[in-house]
Amino acid sequence: MRKRRIIVKRRPRSTAHEWERGWDLAMTIIDGVPPLVEKQPIFQDCLTVLDGAFADGNSLRFELGLSALIDFCNETVSRGECTQWWS
């Protein structure tokens, strides 16, 4: 029995433009964040993930952190705890 080779395609490295777009989106949410949201541990954790992922050049982790940030902020707004502050 012959063993098959498993080929895993790596995702191409993010371009500077993709990083810039990701940071622009993150900054849109971060700028003007209400104090109630800013004090939440999950918000601070998302910022830590974004910062670390950027420093490491880990685009997947950055995307996950950004997604978590967006989800958390959308949930906060949908629960009526504050109004949407980003556009």
Protein backbone atom coordinates (compact mmCIF):
# COMPACT_ATOMS: atom_id res chain seq x y z
CA MET A 1 0.00 0.00 0.00
CA ARG A 2 1.42 3.36 -1.03
CA LYS A 3 1.10 6.35 1.20
CA ARG A 4 -0.51 9.37 -0.37
CA ARG A 5 1.06 12.73 -0.08
CA ILE A 6 -1.07 15.28 1.63
CA ILE A 7 -0.67 18.72 0.18
CA VAL A 8 -1.81 21.62 2.27
CA LYS A 9 -2.13 24.88 0.47
CA ARG A 10 -0.96 27.76 2.56
CA ARG A 11 -2.90 30.91 2.52
CA PRO A 12 -0.94 33.71 0.87
CA ARG A 13 0.52 36.32 3.18
CA SER A 14 -1.60 39.36 3.64
CA THR A 15 -0.66 42.38 1.65
CA ALA A 16 -0.06 45.78 3.17
CA HIS A 17 -3.36 46.90 1.65
CA GLU A 18 -5.27 44.09 3.41
CA TRP A 19 -3.64 44.96 6.75
CA GLU A 20 -4.53 48.61 6.23
CA ARG A 21 -8.16 47.75 5.46
CA GLY A 22 -8.37 45.55 8.56
CA TRP A 23 -6.92 48.25 10.79
CA ASP A 24 -9.19 50.87 9.25
CA LEU A 25 -12.21 48.74 10.09
CA ALA A 26 -10.94 48.08 13.62
CA MET A 27 -10.22 51.77 14.20
CA THR A 28 -13.71 52.69 12.97
CA ILE A 29 -15.10 50.56 15.79
CA ILE A 30 -12.49 51.50 18.40
CA ASP A 31 -12.75 55.27 17.84
CA GLY A 32 -15.62 56.71 19.82
CA VAL A 33 -16.34 53.51 21.72
CA PRO A 34 -18.62 54.23 24.70
CA PRO A 35 -16.93 53.88 28.12
CA LEU A 36 -19.43 51.12 29.03
CA VAL A 37 -18.16 48.99 26.14
CA GLU A 38 -14.51 49.97 26.46
CA LYS A 39 -14.38 48.73 30.07
CA GLN A 40 -15.65 45.25 29.18
CA PRO A 41 -12.95 42.55 29.43
CA ILE A 42 -13.90 41.02 26.09
CA PHE A 43 -13.38 44.37 24.34
CA GLN A 44 -9.93 44.67 25.92
CA ASP A 45 -9.16 41.03 24.99
CA CYS A 46 -10.05 41.76 21.37
CA LEU A 47 -7.66 44.72 21.34
CA THR A 48 -4.90 42.51 22.76
CA VAL A 49 -5.51 39.87 20.08
CA LEU A 50 -5.51 42.47 17.29
CA ASP A 51 -2.30 44.05 18.54
CA GLY A 52 -0.50 40.73 19.02
CA ALA A 53 -1.65 39.36 15.68
CA PHE A 54 -0.46 42.46 13.88
CA ALA A 55 2.89 42.37 15.67
CA ASP A 56 3.31 38.68 14.74
CA GLY A 57 2.07 39.14 11.18
CA ASN A 58 -0.65 36.57 11.85
CA SER A 59 -3.48 37.57 9.53
CA LEU A 60 -5.78 34.70 10.52
CA ARG A 61 -5.58 35.60 14.20
CA PHE A 62 -6.10 39.26 13.28
CA GLU A 63 -9.25 38.35 11.32
CA LEU A 64 -10.55 36.28 14.23
CA GLY A 65 -9.89 39.13 16.67
CA LEU A 66 -11.61 41.61 14.38
CA SER A 67 -14.57 39.29 13.93
CA ALA A 68 -14.88 38.85 17.71
CA LEU A 69 -14.71 42.63 18.17
CA ILE A 70 -17.44 43.23 15.61
CA ASP A 71 -19.64 40.48 17.05
CA PHE A 72 -19.25 41.76 20.61
CA CYS A 73 -20.04 45.36 19.64
CA ASN A 74 -23.04 44.32 17.52
CA GLU A 75 -24.37 42.22 20.43
CA THR A 76 -23.96 45.13 22.82
CA VAL A 77 -25.95 47.39 20.49
CA SER A 78 -28.64 44.76 19.83
CA ARG A 79 -29.16 44.30 23.60
CA GLY A 80 -29.85 48.02 23.80
CA GLU A 81 -26.93 48.79 26.09
CA CYS A 82 -25.82 51.61 23.77
CA THR A 83 -26.42 52.97 20.28
CA GLN A 84 -24.21 52.15 17.34
CA TRP A 85 -21.22 54.51 17.32
CA TRP A 86 -19.54 53.35 14.11
CA SER A 87 -20.77 53.68 10.55
